[in-house]
């Protein structure tokens, strides 16, 4: 089918095709032209008008009208996501976790368990390997629909002590996630009934790190930056283990949000790590995030 704007431009020429020199090469001569030739740009070109639709830049026939095109890549999650074109990250392959030197790395290419030790979902929350990755084919996708819910995966870090444990995770936080406090990256030590830990969090006004027992407060030394929304962001968290003067350092999108040296052990040994919605105290009962390319190691983990 020929585009209307092309045929409309050529229609007046049809009445001018009066020449009849069929045996003469008319290429490049001025119009009017003989039968079997078409006037294009006031010059004769051999062929009928319908032959020039593609040559003149006409688009191919799109077929039947399918209605307006939806550009919103929302998910079937009750309207929590509104990712739109911002979610169209260049998904390189394969996942970096196929070549990393960290002692644990996962990009959710093989699902959730293994390699994760466990998956925790409370109050009808969900956590799944999702098709909206940073790189590779999948990412982790957590959704909560009730206050104080959890939707995360857990990894056994092996009780590492006397070393600095580093964690890195790429996070995509939709602007439609209206949580008050959301902990998404955590390093902890098993201790009953309390848990010494460090947890990287986002709140409406800033990114922060909560430090568990015996300190029970936010870490200091960073900049009060808003957590970026609707794009992938690199986050890092590190803590010295097995020392009474541990340094804690955390970054979000390259900005330091916590950098403090403590007087007293924070995490005596790194027993476990959590990523996802580890905890949310939601002002409204919903929260959502995507996680990809999660690493735990004893060397600094780059964001590039």
Protein backbone atom coordinates (compact mmCIF):
# COMPACT_ATOMS: atom_id res chain seq x y z
CA UNK A 1 0.00 0.00 0.00
CA UNK A 2 1.27 3.46 -0.89
CA UNK A 3 1.26 6.23 1.67
CA UNK A 4 -1.41 8.88 1.01
CA UNK A 5 1.04 11.74 1.22
CA UNK A 6 3.13 10.24 -1.60
CA UNK A 7 0.25 9.51 -3.96
CA UNK A 8 -1.25 12.91 -3.21
CA UNK A 9 1.97 14.57 -4.35
CA UNK A 10 2.07 12.60 -7.57
CA UNK A 11 -1.60 12.73 -8.60
CA UNK A 12 -1.47 16.07 -10.48
CA UNK A 13 1.28 14.64 -12.69
CA UNK A 14 -0.94 11.91 -14.16
CA UNK A 15 -2.84 14.37 -16.32
CA UNK A 16 0.42 15.75 -17.75
CA UNK A 17 1.79 12.44 -19.07
CA UNK A 18 1.26 13.34 -22.73
CA UNK A 19 4.59 12.50 -24.41
CA UNK A 20 4.77 9.29 -26.48
CA UNK A 21 8.46 8.76 -27.30
CA UNK A 22 8.54 5.17 -26.00
CA UNK A 23 11.77 4.30 -27.78
CA UNK A 24 13.68 7.29 -26.45
CA UNK A 25 15.54 7.33 -23.11
CA UNK A 26 13.87 10.14 -21.21
CA UNK A 27 15.90 9.74 -17.97
CA UNK A 28 16.65 13.14 -16.52
CA UNK A 29 14.61 15.06 -19.08
CA UNK A 30 12.06 17.61 -17.97
CA UNK A 31 8.38 16.71 -17.68
CA UNK A 32 5.90 16.03 -19.24
CA UNK A 33 6.89 12.39 -19.75
CA UNK A 34 5.78 9.49 -21.95
CA UNK A 35 3.60 6.58 -20.82
CA UNK A 36 5.53 4.28 -18.49
CA UNK A 37 7.52 7.20 -17.10
CA UNK A 38 6.81 9.32 -14.02
CA UNK A 39 7.59 12.93 -13.27
CA UNK A 40 9.62 13.16 -10.05
CA UNK A 41 10.99 16.55 -9.05
CA UNK A 42 10.14 17.90 -12.56
CA UNK A 43 12.33 15.21 -14.20
CA UNK A 44 11.31 11.99 -15.97
CA UNK A 45 12.01 8.69 -14.22
CA UNK A 46 11.12 5.36 -15.81
CA UNK A 47 8.31 3.50 -14.02
CA UNK A 48 4.75 4.03 -12.79
CA UNK A 49 3.89 6.29 -9.87
CA UNK A 50 3.24 3.40 -7.46
CA UNK A 51 6.83 2.21 -7.91
CA UNK A 52 8.25 5.23 -6.09
CA UNK A 53 6.59 5.00 -2.67
CA UNK A 54 9.65 3.55 -0.94
CA UNK A 55 12.16 5.60 -2.93
CA UNK A 56 10.44 8.79 -1.88
CA UNK A 57 10.70 7.93 1.80
CA UNK A 58 7.18 6.61 2.33
CA UNK A 59 6.90 4.37 5.41
CA UNK A 60 5.86 0.73 4.91
CA UNK A 61 2.19 -0.04 5.30
CA UNK A 62 1.60 -0.44 9.06
CA UNK A 63 -1.29 -2.80 8.50
CA UNK A 64 -4.55 -2.55 10.45
CA UNK A 65 -4.94 0.25 12.96
CA UNK A 66 -4.23 -1.27 16.39
CA UNK A 67 -5.21 1.84 18.32
CA UNK A 68 -2.95 4.07 20.41
CA UNK A 69 0.42 2.67 21.48
CA UNK A 70 0.91 2.30 25.22
CA UNK A 71 4.26 3.66 26.39
CA UNK A 72 3.69 2.92 30.08
CA UNK A 73 5.52 -0.28 31.03
CA UNK A 74 3.51 -0.76 34.19
CA UNK A 75 3.36 -4.13 35.95
CA UNK A 76 0.42 -6.22 37.05
CA UNK A 77 0.93 -5.32 40.69
CA UNK A 78 -2.08 -3.21 41.51
CA UNK A 79 -0.60 -0.09 39.99
CA UNK A 80 2.56 0.13 42.11
CA UNK A 81 4.88 0.52 39.13
CA UNK A 82 4.90 3.33 36.63
CA UNK A 83 8.20 2.64 34.96
CA UNK A 84 7.50 4.07 31.51
CA UNK A 85 10.42 4.76 29.23
CA UNK A 86 12.78 5.31 32.17
CA UNK A 87 12.86 1.56 32.74
CA UNK A 88 14.37 0.93 29.30
CA UNK A 89 17.90 0.31 30.62
CA UNK A 90 20.40 -1.07 28.11
CA UNK A 91 20.41 -4.67 29.31
CA UNK A 92 23.91 -5.85 28.53
CA UNK A 93 24.61 -9.56 28.73
CA UNK A 94 25.81 -11.56 30.47
CA UNK A 95 25.50 -10.69 34.15
CA UNK A 96 28.78 -9.49 35.67
CA UNK A 97 28.40 -12.22 38.27
CA UNK A 98 29.76 -14.74 35.79
CA UNK A 99 33.24 -13.26 36.16
CA UNK A 100 33.34 -11.49 39.53
CA UNK A 101 35.98 -12.14 42.19
CA UNK A 102 33.64 -11.38 45.12
CA UNK A 103 32.89 -14.34 47.38
CA UNK A 104 29.18 -13.96 46.57
CA UNK A 105 27.56 -12.44 43.52
CA UNK A 106 24.16 -12.91 41.92
CA UNK A 107 22.22 -11.16 39.17
CA UNK A 108 19.08 -13.33 39.56
CA UNK A 109 19.77 -15.12 36.28
CA UNK A 110 19.08 -18.51 37.87
CA UNK A 111 16.14 -17.53 40.04
CA UNK A 112 16.18 -17.06 43.81
CA UNK A 113 17.14 -20.25 45.67
CA UNK A 114 19.88 -21.26 45.09
CA UNK A 115 22.18 -19.32 45.32
CA UNK A 116 20.31 -17.40 48.04
CA UNK A 117 19.99 -19.09 51.43
CA UNK A 118 16.34 -18.13 51.80
CA UNK A 119 13.55 -15.84 50.63
CA UNK A 120 11.41 -13.97 53.14
CA UNK A 121 7.92 -12.72 52.31
CA UNK A 122 5.56 -11.49 55.03
CA UNK A 123 2.02 -10.09 55.01
CA UNK A 124 1.35 -11.23 51.42
CA UNK A 125 4.52 -9.57 50.11
CA UNK A 126 6.15 -10.98 46.99
CA UNK A 127 9.75 -11.34 45.85
CA UNK A 128 10.55 -12.84 42.46
CA UNK A 129 13.10 -12.90 39.66
CA UNK A 130 11.72 -10.22 37.35
CA UNK A 131 12.35 -9.28 33.72
CA UNK A 132 13.31 -5.63 34.30
CA UNK A 133 17.09 -5.97 34.81
CA UNK A 134 20.01 -3.60 34.87
CA UNK A 135 22.00 -6.14 32.87
CA UNK A 136 21.44 -9.77 31.98
CA UNK A 137 17.86 -11.01 31.71
CA UNK A 138 16.46 -10.78 35.25
CA UNK A 139 16.47 -8.74 38.44
CA UNK A 140 15.06 -9.24 41.91
CA UNK A 141 11.66 -7.60 42.38
CA UNK A 142 10.15 -7.00 45.81
CA UNK A 143 6.63 -5.71 46.51
CA UNK A 144 4.91 -5.24 49.87
CA UNK A 145 1.23 -4.44 50.34
CA UNK A 146 0.99 -4.12 54.14
CA UNK A 147 2.76 -2.03 56.78
CA UNK A 148 5.94 -3.40 58.37
CA UNK A 149 6.31 -6.07 55.70
CA UNK A 150 9.40 -7.83 54.39
CA UNK A 151 10.22 -8.96 50.88
CA UNK A 152 13.86 -9.90 50.53
CA UNK A 153 16.46 -12.61 49.96
CA UNK A 154 19.09 -13.72 52.44
CA UNK A 155 22.64 -15.00 51.90
CA UNK A 156 24.91 -16.81 54.38
CA UNK A 157 28.16 -14.81 54.61
CA UNK A 158 30.00 -17.50 56.55
CA UNK A 159 30.74 -15.67 59.81
CA UNK A 160 33.57 -13.59 58.36
CA UNK A 161 35.46 -11.65 61.00
CA UNK A 162 38.65 -9.61 61.19
CA UNK A 163 38.03 -8.32 57.65
CA UNK A 164 36.10 -5.52 55.99
CA UNK A 165 32.94 -6.88 54.40
CA UNK A 166 31.72 -4.96 51.37
CA UNK A 167 28.27 -5.13 49.81
CA UNK A 168 27.10 -3.63 46.56
CA UNK A 169 23.67 -3.67 44.95
CA UNK A 170 22.08 -1.86 42.03
CA UNK A 171 18.65 -0.61 43.05
CA UNK A 172 15.69 0.74 41.04
CA UNK A 173 13.20 2.55 43.27
CA UNK A 174 9.97 3.58 41.47
CA UNK A 175 8.56 6.96 42.42
CA UNK A 176 5.27 5.13 43.01
CA UNK A 177 6.75 3.44 46.11
CA UNK A 178 5.41 5.67 48.93
CA UNK A 179 7.22 4.07 51.89
CA UNK A 180 8.30 5.97 55.00
CA UNK A 181 11.39 3.88 55.85
CA UNK A 182 12.77 1.09 53.67
CA UNK A 183 15.89 -0.96 54.50
CA UNK A 184 17.21 -2.56 51.32
CA UNK A 185 20.85 -3.63 51.90
CA UNK A 186 21.97 -5.16 55.20
CA UNK A 187 24.99 -6.89 56.79
CA UNK A 188 24.33 -8.59 60.12
CA UNK A 189 25.61 -10.84 62.91
CA UNK A 190 23.51 -13.60 64.49
CA UNK A 191 22.94 -12.79 68.16
CA UNK A 192 19.84 -13.83 70.06
CA UNK A 193 17.66 -11.91 70.91
CA UNK A 194 19.26 -8.84 69.25
CA UNK A 195 20.99 -8.45 65.94
CA UNK A 196 24.09 -6.27 65.53
CA UNK A 197 23.76 -5.00 61.99
CA UNK A 198 24.14 -2.14 59.55
CA UNK A 199 21.27 -1.41 57.17
CA UNK A 200 21.29 1.00 54.24
CA UNK A 201 17.90 2.72 54.08
CA UNK A 202 15.89 5.25 52.15
CA UNK A 203 13.38 7.65 53.72
CA UNK A 204 11.44 10.44 52.00
CA UNK A 205 14.06 13.09 52.80
CA UNK A 206 17.38 11.24 52.55
CA UNK A 207 19.42 8.05 52.33
CA UNK A 208 20.87 6.80 55.62
CA UNK A 209 22.40 3.85 57.47
CA UNK A 210 20.85 2.42 60.62
CA UNK A 211 23.24 0.78 63.08
CA UNK A 212 21.78 -1.89 65.37
CA UNK A 213 22.69 -2.97 68.91
CA UNK A 214 24.40 -1.79 70.95
CA UNK A 215 24.23 1.62 69.22
CA UNK A 216 20.65 1.74 67.92
CA UNK A 217 21.02 4.95 65.94
CA UNK A 218 21.79 6.36 62.52
CA UNK A 219 25.38 6.54 61.32
CA UNK A 220 26.89 9.97 60.70
CA UNK A 221 29.39 11.53 58.33
CA UNK A 222 27.38 11.60 55.12
CA UNK A 223 25.31 13.94 53.03
CA UNK A 224 21.53 14.06 53.34
CA UNK A 225 20.72 13.18 49.73
CA UNK A 226 17.38 12.07 48.36
CA UNK A 227 17.40 8.54 46.99
CA UNK A 228 17.09 8.81 43.17
CA UNK A 229 13.87 7.42 41.74
CA UNK A 230 12.89 5.80 38.45
CA UNK A 231 16.42 4.82 37.43
CA UNK A 232 19.06 2.27 38.38
CA UNK A 233 21.34 3.45 41.19
CA UNK A 234 24.54 1.85 42.52
CA UNK A 235 24.60 1.50 46.32
CA UNK A 236 27.48 0.29 48.51
CA UNK A 237 27.83 -0.62 52.18
CA UNK A 238 30.95 -1.75 54.07
CA UNK A 239 31.75 -2.50 57.70
CA UNK A 240 34.91 -3.62 59.53
CA UNK A 241 34.22 -6.83 61.46
CA UNK A 242 35.86 -8.23 64.59
CA UNK A 243 37.32 -4.93 65.76
CA UNK A 244 36.47 -2.39 68.44
CA UNK A 245 37.12 0.56 66.11
CA UNK A 246 35.18 -0.37 62.98
CA UNK A 247 34.66 2.01 60.10
CA UNK A 248 31.29 2.06 58.36
CA UNK A 249 31.01 3.53 54.87
CA UNK A 250 27.98 3.72 52.56
CA UNK A 251 27.35 5.40 49.22
CA UNK A 252 24.30 5.97 47.05
CA UNK A 253 24.80 6.98 43.43
CA UNK A 254 28.42 7.91 44.21
CA UNK A 255 27.49 10.17 47.16
CA UNK A 256 28.69 9.25 50.67
CA UNK A 257 25.64 8.94 52.93
CA UNK A 258 27.47 7.55 55.98
CA UNK A 259 31.14 7.47 57.00
CA UNK A 260 31.82 6.88 60.68
CA UNK A 261 34.38 5.10 62.84
CA UNK A 262 32.79 3.61 65.97
CA UNK A 263 34.15 3.08 69.46
CA UNK A 264 32.96 -0.47 69.96
CA UNK A 265 32.17 -3.46 67.78
CA UNK A 266 29.26 -2.99 65.35
CA UNK A 267 29.21 -6.35 63.58
CA UNK A 268 31.51 -8.86 65.40
CA UNK A 269 31.18 -11.27 62.48
CA UNK A 270 29.33 -11.00 59.17
CA UNK A 271 26.93 -13.94 59.31
CA UNK A 272 24.28 -12.90 56.80
CA UNK A 273 23.36 -10.33 54.20
CA UNK A 274 19.91 -9.23 53.05
CA UNK A 275 18.82 -7.40 49.91
CA UNK A 276 15.35 -6.32 48.87
CA UNK A 277 12.71 -4.83 51.13
CA UNK A 278 14.29 -6.03 54.37
CA UNK A 279 11.95 -3.86 56.39
CA UNK A 280 9.46 -1.14 55.63
CA UNK A 281 7.44 1.00 58.00
CA UNK A 282 5.11 2.20 55.28
CA UNK A 283 3.06 5.35 55.67
CA UNK A 284 0.83 3.75 53.08
CA UNK A 285 0.89 -0.04 52.96
CA UNK A 286 2.94 -0.48 49.81
CA UNK A 287 6.55 -0.43 48.73
CA UNK A 288 8.42 -1.68 45.69
CA UNK A 289 11.96 -1.97 44.37
CA UNK A 290 14.13 -3.85 41.92
CA UNK A 291 17.60 -5.22 42.80
CA UNK A 292 20.32 -6.46 40.46
CA UNK A 293 24.01 -7.48 40.42
CA UNK A 294 24.35 -7.97 44.18
CA UNK A 295 27.86 -8.66 45.52
CA UNK A 296 29.45 -9.37 48.90
CA UNK A 297 33.23 -9.43 49.16
CA UNK A 298 36.28 -8.50 51.22
CA UNK A 299 37.61 -6.05 48.64
CA UNK A 300 35.96 -2.75 47.55
CA UNK A 301 33.28 -3.40 44.94
CA UNK A 302 33.14 -0.94 42.03
CA UNK A 303 30.01 0.54 40.53
CA UNK A 304 31.24 0.41 36.91
